[in-house]
Amino acid sequence: MLLMCIGLAGCGRSDIKDTDIAVQYNELKDENVRLYDSIASLNILINSTASYPELLDNSSDNYEEFRRVRAALLNSPQSIPDTAVLGGKMHFDDIKVLDENWIYASYNDGHVHNQVIFWYEKGKNNTYTFRVVLKYE
């Protein structure tokens, strides 16, 4: 009986203080607000028709470069940050080159549909490196 009382008395103890939890909560809340603001800014950029290469003058240097970047990502399904489920195959639905470093893309496998923002960099021999910066499910 004595061991049982000692065990129950120890269950209510914690090394984490309420003030620590409140501080962590506020930090996470602030980070969440910053992330929502970032997503809102990216949505504005994504929906800005001026940044789509399809609408640029075909003779511009950016138009051809954006077409190459888009094609490189389209041919890089391994860049998709999810794996297919239920026998599906991941593929890109939509790819929009936003500027010289950012790409918006949506992808699916017939079951899962997600969106992602890539940062990209051009390497030697017209090769590209794609890095996922933000994934929206």
Protein backbone atom coordinates (compact mmCIF):
# COMPACT_ATOMS: atom_id res chain seq x y z
CA MET A 1 0.00 0.00 0.00
CA LEU A 2 2.82 2.36 0.89
CA LEU A 3 4.52 1.76 -2.50
CA MET A 4 1.25 2.45 -4.27
CA CYS A 5 0.87 5.83 -2.51
CA ILE A 6 4.45 6.79 -3.32
CA GLY A 7 3.91 5.82 -6.96
CA LEU A 8 0.72 7.88 -7.26
CA ALA A 9 2.32 10.89 -5.59
CA GLY A 10 5.14 10.80 -8.18
CA CYS A 11 2.72 10.68 -11.15
CA GLY A 12 1.60 14.27 -10.67
CA ARG A 13 5.12 15.64 -10.70
CA SER A 14 6.65 17.16 -13.78
CA ASP A 15 9.88 18.94 -14.56
CA ILE A 16 8.08 21.21 -17.03
CA LYS A 17 6.74 24.40 -15.52
CA ASP A 18 3.55 26.11 -16.64
CA THR A 19 5.57 29.18 -17.61
CA ASP A 20 7.76 27.04 -19.92
CA ILE A 21 4.67 25.67 -21.61
CA ALA A 22 3.21 29.16 -22.00
CA VAL A 23 6.45 30.43 -23.55
CA GLN A 24 6.59 27.48 -25.98
CA TYR A 25 2.92 27.99 -26.84
CA ASN A 26 3.47 31.68 -27.63
CA GLU A 27 6.56 30.92 -29.72
CA LEU A 28 4.64 28.31 -31.74
CA LYS A 29 1.70 30.67 -32.12
CA ASP A 30 4.01 33.40 -33.47
CA GLU A 31 5.68 30.96 -35.85
CA ASN A 32 2.28 29.83 -37.08
CA VAL A 33 1.31 33.44 -37.85
CA ARG A 34 4.59 33.96 -39.75
CA LEU A 35 3.97 30.80 -41.78
CA TYR A 36 0.43 31.87 -42.66
CA ASP A 37 1.78 35.27 -43.76
CA SER A 38 4.41 33.52 -45.91
CA ILE A 39 1.76 31.33 -47.51
CA ALA A 40 -0.41 34.38 -48.21
CA SER A 41 2.54 36.15 -49.86
CA LEU A 42 3.32 33.09 -51.96
CA ASN A 43 -0.32 32.78 -53.00
CA ILE A 44 -0.25 36.38 -54.20
CA LEU A 45 2.89 35.61 -56.19
CA ILE A 46 1.41 32.40 -57.59
CA ASN A 47 -1.77 34.15 -58.68
CA SER A 48 0.11 37.05 -60.24
CA THR A 49 -0.24 36.55 -63.99
CA ALA A 50 2.78 38.76 -64.68
CA SER A 51 5.15 36.09 -63.43
CA TYR A 52 3.96 33.20 -65.60
CA PRO A 53 6.32 32.39 -68.46
CA GLU A 54 3.37 31.45 -70.66
CA LEU A 55 2.39 35.12 -70.68
CA LEU A 56 5.85 36.54 -71.28
CA ASP A 57 6.94 37.68 -74.70
CA ASN A 58 8.23 34.59 -76.54
CA SER A 59 11.35 36.47 -77.57
CA SER A 60 12.44 37.23 -74.00
CA ASP A 61 15.40 35.40 -72.46
CA ASN A 62 13.34 34.52 -69.40
CA TYR A 63 10.69 32.80 -71.48
CA GLU A 64 13.13 30.21 -72.85
CA GLU A 65 14.87 29.78 -69.50
CA PHE A 66 11.56 29.29 -67.68
CA ARG A 67 10.52 26.71 -70.29
CA ARG A 68 13.77 24.79 -69.69
CA VAL A 69 13.31 24.91 -65.90
CA ARG A 70 9.69 23.79 -66.19
CA ALA A 71 10.66 20.92 -68.48
CA ALA A 72 13.48 19.87 -66.15
CA LEU A 73 11.12 19.68 -63.18
CA LEU A 74 8.47 17.89 -65.23
CA ASN A 75 11.09 15.27 -66.08
CA SER A 76 12.14 14.96 -62.42
CA PRO A 77 9.26 13.12 -60.70
CA GLN A 78 11.77 12.05 -58.02
CA SER A 79 11.57 15.68 -56.82
CA ILE A 80 7.98 15.07 -55.66
CA PRO A 81 8.17 14.91 -51.87
CA ASP A 82 5.51 12.19 -51.49
CA THR A 83 5.26 8.55 -52.52
CA ALA A 84 2.32 7.18 -54.43
CA VAL A 85 -0.35 5.17 -52.63
CA LEU A 86 -2.75 2.40 -53.66
CA GLY A 87 -0.88 1.65 -56.88
CA GLY A 88 -0.91 5.22 -58.19
CA LYS A 89 2.00 7.01 -59.83
CA MET A 90 3.01 10.51 -58.74
CA HIS A 91 3.12 13.12 -61.49
CA PHE A 92 3.01 16.90 -61.75
CA ASP A 93 -0.36 18.49 -62.64
CA ASP A 94 0.73 22.07 -62.85
CA ILE A 95 4.11 23.79 -62.80
CA LYS A 96 4.49 27.56 -62.69
CA VAL A 97 7.91 29.17 -62.68
CA LEU A 98 7.44 32.21 -60.48
CA ASP A 99 10.83 33.85 -61.04
CA GLU A 100 14.54 33.03 -61.31
CA ASN A 101 14.54 30.98 -58.08
CA TRP A 102 11.01 29.84 -57.26
CA ILE A 103 8.56 27.33 -58.72
CA TYR A 104 5.02 26.45 -57.71
CA ALA A 105 3.89 22.93 -58.56
CA SER A 106 0.94 20.69 -57.82
CA TYR A 107 1.07 16.92 -58.12
CA ASN A 108 -1.03 13.83 -57.53
CA ASP A 109 -1.20 10.09 -57.93
CA GLY A 110 -4.95 9.83 -58.41
CA HIS A 111 -5.48 9.55 -54.65
CA VAL A 112 -3.23 12.14 -53.02
CA HIS A 113 -3.08 15.74 -54.29
CA ASN A 114 -0.62 18.25 -52.84
CA GLN A 115 1.10 21.52 -53.71
CA VAL A 116 4.69 22.55 -53.22
CA ILE A 117 7.01 25.51 -53.59
CA PHE A 118 10.47 24.66 -54.91
CA TRP A 119 13.62 26.74 -54.76
CA TYR A 120 15.78 25.97 -57.77
CA GLU A 121 19.29 26.65 -58.93
CA LYS A 122 20.83 26.24 -62.34
CA GLY A 123 24.02 24.22 -62.44
CA LYS A 124 26.51 23.37 -65.13
CA ASN A 125 25.34 22.00 -68.49
CA ASN A 126 21.81 23.34 -67.98
CA THR A 127 21.11 21.00 -65.07
CA TYR A 128 18.90 22.14 -62.22
CA THR A 129 18.72 21.43 -58.51
CA PHE A 130 15.26 21.52 -56.94
CA ARG A 131 14.67 21.83 -53.20
CA VAL A 132 11.27 21.71 -51.49
CA VAL A 133 10.75 24.84 -49.41
CA LEU A 134 7.05 24.58 -48.58
CA LYS A 135 4.59 21.73 -48.98
CA TYR A 136 0.85 22.33 -48.69
CA GLU A 137 -1.41 19.33 -48.22
